[in-house]
PDB file of N, CA and C in Angstrom:
ATOM      1  N   MET A   1     -56.951 -81.318 208.872  1.00  0.00           N
ATOM      2  CA  MET A   1     -58.086 -80.780 208.167  1.00  0.00           C
ATOM      3  C   MET A   1     -57.555 -79.698 207.165  1.00  0.00           C
ATOM      4  N   ILE A   2     -57.256 -80.067 205.941  1.00  0.00           N
ATOM      5  CA  ILE A   2     -56.755 -79.201 204.914  1.00  0.00           C
ATOM      6  C   ILE A   2     -57.924 -78.792 204.065  1.00  0.00           C
ATOM      7  N   PRO A   3     -58.171 -77.488 203.852  1.00  0.00           N
ATOM      8  CA  PRO A   3     -59.212 -77.083 202.993  1.00  0.00           C
ATOM      9  C   PRO A   3     -58.912 -77.426 201.466  1.00  0.00           C
ATOM     10  N   ASP A   4     -59.954 -77.643 200.683  1.00  0.00           N
ATOM     11  CA  ASP A   4     -59.754 -77.879 199.305  1.00  0.00           C
ATOM     12  C   ASP A   4     -59.607 -76.570 198.543  1.00  0.00           C
ATOM     13  N   LEU A   5     -58.450 -76.264 198.003  1.00  0.00           N
ATOM     14  CA  LEU A   5     -58.190 -75.010 197.358  1.00  0.00           C
ATOM     15  C   LEU A   5     -58.433 -75.048 195.883  1.00  0.00           C
ATOM     16  N   GLY A   6     -58.753 -76.115 195.375  1.00  0.00           N
ATOM     17  CA  GLY A   6     -59.116 -76.293 193.981  1.00  0.00           C
ATOM     18  C   GLY A   6     -57.894 -75.992 193.025  1.00  0.00           C
ATOM     19  N   ARG A   7     -58.222 -75.349 191.933  1.00  0.00           N
ATOM     20  CA  ARG A   7     -57.202 -75.167 190.986  1.00  0.00           C
ATOM     21  C   ARG A   7     -56.292 -74.018 191.329  1.00  0.00           C
ATOM     22  N   TYR A   8     -56.597 -73.301 192.362  1.00  0.00           N
ATOM     23  CA  TYR A   8     -55.679 -72.189 192.794  1.00  0.00           C
ATOM     24  C   TYR A   8     -54.807 -72.589 193.978  1.00  0.00           C
ATOM     25  N   ALA A   9     -54.675 -73.804 194.221  1.00  0.00           N
ATOM     26  CA  ALA A   9     -53.892 -74.248 195.365  1.00  0.00           C
ATOM     27  C   ALA A   9     -52.463 -73.756 195.267  1.00  0.00           C
ATOM     28  N   THR A  10     -51.872 -73.856 194.093  1.00  0.00           N
ATOM     29  CA  THR A  10     -50.453 -73.455 193.927  1.00  0.00           C
ATOM     30  C   THR A  10     -50.308 -71.981 194.274  1.00  0.00           C
ATOM     31  N   GLU A  11     -51.166 -71.157 193.719  1.00  0.00           N
ATOM     32  CA  GLU A  11     -51.093 -69.672 193.925  1.00  0.00           C
ATOM     33  C   GLU A  11     -51.316 -69.330 195.372  1.00  0.00           C
ATOM     34  N   VAL A  12     -52.311 -69.930 196.043  1.00  0.00           N
ATOM     35  CA  VAL A  12     -52.609 -69.616 197.405  1.00  0.00           C
ATOM     36  C   VAL A  12     -51.445 -70.069 198.315  1.00  0.00           C
ATOM     37  N   LEU A  13     -50.950 -71.275 198.145  1.00  0.00           N
ATOM     38  CA  LEU A  13     -49.891 -71.717 198.939  1.00  0.00           C
ATOM     39  C   LEU A  13     -48.623 -70.989 198.726  1.00  0.00           C
ATOM     40  N   SER A  14     -48.355 -70.601 197.465  1.00  0.00           N
ATOM     41  CA  SER A  14     -47.151 -69.819 197.297  1.00  0.00           C
ATOM     42  C   SER A  14     -47.278 -68.411 197.907  1.00  0.00           C
ATOM     43  N   ALA A  15     -48.440 -67.852 197.881  1.00  0.00           N
ATOM     44  CA  ALA A  15     -48.639 -66.577 198.539  1.00  0.00           C
ATOM     45  C   ALA A  15     -48.466 -66.668 200.067  1.00  0.00           C
ATOM     46  N   TYR A  16     -48.885 -67.748 200.647  1.00  0.00           N
ATOM     47  CA  TYR A  16     -48.648 -67.967 202.112  1.00  0.00           C
ATOM     48  C   TYR A  16     -47.203 -68.105 202.373  1.00  0.00           C
ATOM     49  N   ALA A  17     -46.476 -68.861 201.526  1.00  0.00           N
ATOM     50  CA  ALA A  17     -45.063 -69.078 201.712  1.00  0.00           C
ATOM     51  C   ALA A  17     -44.267 -67.770 201.613  1.00  0.00           C
ATOM     52  N   VAL A  18     -44.583 -66.956 200.553  1.00  0.00           N
ATOM     53  CA  VAL A  18     -43.903 -65.660 200.441  1.00  0.00           C
ATOM     54  C   VAL A  18     -44.151 -64.744 201.592  1.00  0.00           C
ATOM     55  N   SER A  19     -45.401 -64.772 202.056  1.00  0.00           N
ATOM     56  CA  SER A  19     -45.778 -63.948 203.237  1.00  0.00           C
ATOM     57  C   SER A  19     -45.013 -64.398 204.459  1.00  0.00           C
ATOM     58  N   LEU A  20     -44.900 -65.692 204.670  1.00  0.00           N
ATOM     59  CA  LEU A  20     -44.151 -66.194 205.840  1.00  0.00           C
ATOM     60  C   LEU A  20     -42.685 -65.816 205.784  1.00  0.00           C
ATOM     61  N   VAL A  21     -42.088 -65.931 204.587  1.00  0.00           N
ATOM     62  CA  VAL A  21     -40.682 -65.665 204.384  1.00  0.00           C
ATOM     63  C   VAL A  21     -40.410 -64.188 204.620  1.00  0.00           C
ATOM     64  N   LEU A  22     -41.320 -63.314 204.120  1.00  0.00           N
ATOM     65  CA  LEU A  22     -41.134 -61.864 204.340  1.00  0.00           C
ATOM     66  C   LEU A  22     -41.241 -61.527 205.856  1.00  0.00           C
ATOM     67  N   LEU A  23     -42.206 -62.096 206.510  1.00  0.00           N
ATOM     68  CA  LEU A  23     -42.394 -61.821 207.937  1.00  0.00           C
ATOM     69  C   LEU A  23     -41.239 -62.296 208.725  1.00  0.00           C
ATOM     70  N   ALA A  24     -40.648 -63.460 208.395  1.00  0.00           N
ATOM     71  CA  ALA A  24     -39.441 -63.954 209.089  1.00  0.00           C
ATOM     72  C   ALA A  24     -38.248 -63.019 208.808  1.00  0.00           C
ATOM     73  N   GLY A  25     -38.136 -62.588 207.515  1.00  0.00           N
ATOM     74  CA  GLY A  25     -37.006 -61.701 207.196  1.00  0.00           C
ATOM     75  C   GLY A  25     -37.151 -60.364 207.917  1.00  0.00           C
ATOM     76  N   LEU A  26     -38.339 -59.778 207.977  1.00  0.00           N
ATOM     77  CA  LEU A  26     -38.503 -58.517 208.735  1.00  0.00           C
ATOM     78  C   LEU A  26     -38.192 -58.734 210.202  1.00  0.00           C
ATOM     79  N   SER A  27     -38.554 -59.822 210.754  1.00  0.00           N
ATOM     80  CA  SER A  27     -38.367 -60.121 212.188  1.00  0.00           C
ATOM     81  C   SER A  27     -36.832 -60.188 212.479  1.00  0.00           C
ATOM     82  N   VAL A  28     -36.148 -60.891 211.638  1.00  0.00           N
ATOM     83  CA  VAL A  28     -34.686 -60.990 211.755  1.00  0.00           C
ATOM     84  C   VAL A  28     -34.040 -59.617 211.604  1.00  0.00           C
ATOM     85  N   TRP A  29     -34.438 -58.822 210.608  1.00  0.00           N
ATOM     86  CA  TRP A  29     -33.883 -57.529 210.293  1.00  0.00           C
ATOM     87  C   TRP A  29     -34.098 -56.622 211.557  1.00  0.00           C
ATOM     88  N   TYR A  30     -35.327 -56.571 212.126  1.00  0.00           N
ATOM     89  CA  TYR A  30     -35.583 -55.771 213.235  1.00  0.00           C
ATOM     90  C   TYR A  30     -34.781 -56.192 214.455  1.00  0.00           C
ATOM     91  N   TRP A  31     -34.548 -57.489 214.654  1.00  0.00           N
ATOM     92  CA  TRP A  31     -33.785 -58.041 215.807  1.00  0.00           C
ATOM     93  C   TRP A  31     -32.326 -57.620 215.627  1.00  0.00           C
ATOM     94  N   LEU A  32     -31.778 -57.717 214.434  1.00  0.00           N
ATOM     95  CA  LEU A  32     -30.381 -57.305 214.167  1.00  0.00           C
ATOM     96  C   LEU A  32     -30.210 -55.732 214.395  1.00  0.00           C
ATOM     97  N   ARG A  33     -31.215 -55.063 213.957  1.00  0.00           N
ATOM     98  CA  ARG A  33     -31.133 -53.547 214.123  1.00  0.00           C
ATOM     99  C   ARG A  33     -31.239 -53.199 215.563  1.00  0.00           C
ATOM    100  N   ALA A  34     -32.068 -53.830 216.333  1.00  0.00           N
ATOM    101  CA  ALA A  34     -32.198 -53.559 217.764  1.00  0.00           C
ATOM    102  C   ALA A  34     -30.887 -53.900 218.454  1.00  0.00           C
ATOM    103  N   ARG A  35     -30.152 -54.946 218.084  1.00  0.00           N
ATOM    104  CA  ARG A  35     -28.857 -55.289 218.704  1.00  0.00           C
ATOM    105  C   ARG A  35     -27.876 -54.175 218.385  1.00  0.00           C
ATOM    106  N   ALA A  36     -27.826 -53.695 217.115  1.00  0.00           N
ATOM    107  CA  ALA A  36     -26.878 -52.631 216.780  1.00  0.00           C
ATOM    108  C   ALA A  36     -27.167 -51.392 217.458  1.00  0.00           C
ATOM    109  N   VAL A  37     -28.437 -50.993 217.602  1.00  0.00           N
ATOM    110  CA  VAL A  37     -28.804 -49.724 218.333  1.00  0.00           C
ATOM    111  C   VAL A  37     -28.405 -49.886 219.810  1.00  0.00           C
ATOM    112  N   ARG A  38     -28.742 -51.030 220.384  1.00  0.00           N
ATOM    113  CA  ARG A  38     -28.356 -51.228 221.797  1.00  0.00           C
ATOM    114  C   ARG A  38     -26.824 -51.123 221.979  1.00  0.00           C
ATOM    115  N   ALA A  39     -26.027 -51.645 221.085  1.00  0.00           N
ATOM    116  CA  ALA A  39     -24.629 -51.585 221.170  1.00  0.00           C
ATOM    117  C   ALA A  39     -24.140 -50.079 221.070  1.00  0.00           C
ATOM    118  N   GLN A  40     -24.719 -49.387 220.204  1.00  0.00           N
ATOM    119  CA  GLN A  40     -24.404 -47.933 220.031  1.00  0.00           C
ATOM    120  C   GLN A  40     -24.751 -47.191 221.346  1.00  0.00           C
ATOM    121  N   LEU A  41     -25.886 -47.448 221.879  1.00  0.00           N
ATOM    122  CA  LEU A  41     -26.214 -46.718 223.128  1.00  0.00           C
ATOM    123  C   LEU A  41     -25.286 -47.122 224.295  1.00  0.00           C
ATOM    124  N   ASP A  42     -24.861 -48.405 224.366  1.00  0.00           N
ATOM    125  CA  ASP A  42     -23.915 -48.742 225.362  1.00  0.00           C
ATOM    126  C   ASP A  42     -22.575 -47.987 225.179  1.00  0.00           C
ATOM    127  N   GLN A  43     -22.157 -47.821 223.968  1.00  0.00           N
ATOM    128  CA  GLN A  43     -20.915 -47.114 223.696  1.00  0.00           C
ATOM    129  C   GLN A  43     -21.083 -45.651 224.140  1.00  0.00           C
ATOM    130  N   ILE A  44     -22.200 -45.041 223.842  1.00  0.00           N
ATOM    131  CA  ILE A  44     -22.425 -43.636 224.197  1.00  0.00           C
ATOM    132  C   ILE A  44     -22.433 -43.493 225.743  1.00  0.00           C
ATOM    133  N   GLU A  45     -23.111 -44.458 226.369  1.00  0.00           N
ATOM    134  CA  GLU A  45     -23.161 -44.394 227.900  1.00  0.00           C
ATOM    135  C   GLU A  45     -21.786 -44.509 228.482  1.00  0.00           C
ATOM    136  N   GLN A  46     -20.923 -45.424 227.954  1.00  0.00           N
ATOM    137  CA  GLN A  46     -19.647 -45.610 228.486  1.00  0.00           C
ATOM    138  C   GLN A  46     -18.779 -44.371 228.278  1.00  0.00           C
ATOM    139  N   ARG A  47     -18.943 -43.642 227.129  1.00  0.00           N
ATOM    140  CA  ARG A  47     -18.192 -42.460 226.898  1.00  0.00           C
ATOM    141  C   ARG A  47     -18.691 -41.348 227.850  1.00  0.00           C
ATOM    142  N   GLN A  48     -19.914 -41.279 228.191  1.00  0.00           N
ATOM    143  CA  GLN A  48     -20.434 -40.277 229.073  1.00  0.00           C
ATOM    144  C   GLN A  48     -19.951 -40.496 230.493  1.00  0.00           C
ATOM    145  N   GLU A  49     -19.798 -41.808 230.859  1.00  0.00           N
ATOM    146  CA  GLU A  49     -19.319 -42.133 232.253  1.00  0.00           C
ATOM    147  C   GLU A  49     -17.896 -41.757 232.344  1.00  0.00           C
ATOM    148  N   ARG A  50     -17.086 -41.948 231.273  1.00  0.00           N
ATOM    149  CA  ARG A  50     -15.674 -41.524 231.356  1.00  0.00           C
ATOM    150  C   ARG A  50     -15.538 -40.085 231.436  1.00  0.00           C
ATOM    151  N   ASN A  51     -16.409 -39.322 230.913  1.00  0.00           N
ATOM    152  CA  ASN A  51     -16.314 -37.830 230.867  1.00  0.00           C
ATOM    153  C   ASN A  51     -16.766 -37.221 232.159  1.00  0.00           C
ATOM    154  N   GLU A  52     -17.433 -37.910 233.012  1.00  0.00           N
ATOM    155  CA  GLU A  52     -17.932 -37.342 234.272  1.00  0.00           C
ATOM    156  C   GLU A  52     -16.912 -37.316 235.322  1.00  0.00           C
TER     157      GLU A  52
END
């Protein structure tokens, strides 16, 4: 069931596509950043364990 978008179909569909691409990009960026922060925290914890 696809709605009839009329003469603005191209604009509406391209807006949806851009939004989905941006959301996917942000999700990947946050996931990569979380991995980097987790790795940094692991390094800090290992250094603290060696110093004790």
